[in-house]
């Protein structure tokens, strides 16, 4: 599953990215604010956000 993580707590978002990657998911991007554009979205929509 391809996912994008958005959370205002950078440590949590980065940790979740590692956990999901270890579980076999593809983290296509991590952003810390919903106002921050995610350049990875241009590459294709995630299957979950």
C-alpha atoms as a PDB file:
ATOM      1  CA  UNK A   1       0.000   0.000   0.000  1.00  0.00           C
ATOM      2  CA  UNK A   2       1.282   3.481  -0.860  1.00  0.00           C
ATOM      3  CA  UNK A   3       0.660   6.099   1.833  1.00  0.00           C
ATOM      4  CA  UNK A   4       1.307   9.749   2.606  1.00  0.00           C
ATOM      5  CA  UNK A   5       1.705  10.735   6.247  1.00  0.00           C
ATOM      6  CA  UNK A   6       0.621  14.169   7.450  1.00  0.00           C
ATOM      7  CA  UNK A   7       1.015  15.042  11.134  1.00  0.00           C
ATOM      8  CA  UNK A   8       2.105  18.224  12.873  1.00  0.00           C
ATOM      9  CA  UNK A   9       4.375  16.254  15.214  1.00  0.00           C
ATOM     10  CA  UNK A  10       7.504  15.563  13.167  1.00  0.00           C
ATOM     11  CA  UNK A  11       8.844  12.864  15.489  1.00  0.00           C
ATOM     12  CA  UNK A  12       5.545  10.959  15.349  1.00  0.00           C
ATOM     13  CA  UNK A  13       5.236  11.297  11.575  1.00  0.00           C
ATOM     14  CA  UNK A  14       8.786  10.136  10.970  1.00  0.00           C
ATOM     15  CA  UNK A  15       8.400   7.233  13.409  1.00  0.00           C
ATOM     16  CA  UNK A  16       5.138   6.168  11.770  1.00  0.00           C
ATOM     17  CA  UNK A  17       6.870   6.293   8.410  1.00  0.00           C
ATOM     18  CA  UNK A  18       9.519   3.851   9.656  1.00  0.00           C
ATOM     19  CA  UNK A  19       6.941   1.512  11.220  1.00  0.00           C
ATOM     20  CA  UNK A  20       4.832   1.427   8.063  1.00  0.00           C
ATOM     21  CA  UNK A  21       7.884   0.886   5.874  1.00  0.00           C
ATOM     22  CA  UNK A  22       9.015  -1.994   8.075  1.00  0.00           C
ATOM     23  CA  UNK A  23       5.518  -3.490   7.751  1.00  0.00           C
ATOM     24  CA  UNK A  24       5.883  -3.542   3.963  1.00  0.00           C
ATOM     25  CA  UNK A  25       4.038  -0.363   2.985  1.00  0.00           C
ATOM     26  CA  UNK A  26       5.479   2.266   0.665  1.00  0.00           C
ATOM     27  CA  UNK A  27       5.577   5.709   2.267  1.00  0.00           C
ATOM     28  CA  UNK A  28       5.615   8.111  -0.666  1.00  0.00           C
ATOM     29  CA  UNK A  29       5.748  11.251   1.438  1.00  0.00           C
ATOM     30  CA  UNK A  30       5.752  12.784   4.891  1.00  0.00           C
ATOM     31  CA  UNK A  31       4.501  16.325   5.522  1.00  0.00           C
ATOM     32  CA  UNK A  32       4.000  18.143   8.804  1.00  0.00           C
ATOM     33  CA  UNK A  33       1.122  20.450   7.867  1.00  0.00           C
ATOM     34  CA  UNK A  34      -1.930  20.025   5.651  1.00  0.00           C
ATOM     35  CA  UNK A  35      -1.017  23.405   4.148  1.00  0.00           C
ATOM     36  CA  UNK A  36       2.336  22.060   2.974  1.00  0.00           C
ATOM     37  CA  UNK A  37       2.078  20.788  -0.579  1.00  0.00           C
ATOM     38  CA  UNK A  38       3.306  17.256  -1.011  1.00  0.00           C
ATOM     39  CA  UNK A  39       5.368  17.013  -4.205  1.00  0.00           C
ATOM     40  CA  UNK A  40       4.952  13.252  -4.146  1.00  0.00           C
ATOM     41  CA  UNK A  41       1.240  13.652  -4.926  1.00  0.00           C
ATOM     42  CA  UNK A  42       2.132  14.655  -8.459  1.00  0.00           C
ATOM     43  CA  UNK A  43       3.696  11.219  -8.953  1.00  0.00           C
ATOM     44  CA  UNK A  44       0.383   9.460  -8.357  1.00  0.00           C
ATOM     45  CA  UNK A  45      -2.354   9.272  -5.785  1.00  0.00           C
ATOM     46  CA  UNK A  46      -1.693   7.169  -2.684  1.00  0.00           C
ATOM     47  CA  UNK A  47      -3.992   4.260  -1.916  1.00  0.00           C
ATOM     48  CA  UNK A  48      -4.553   5.746   1.571  1.00  0.00           C
ATOM     49  CA  UNK A  49      -3.907   9.146   3.117  1.00  0.00           C
END
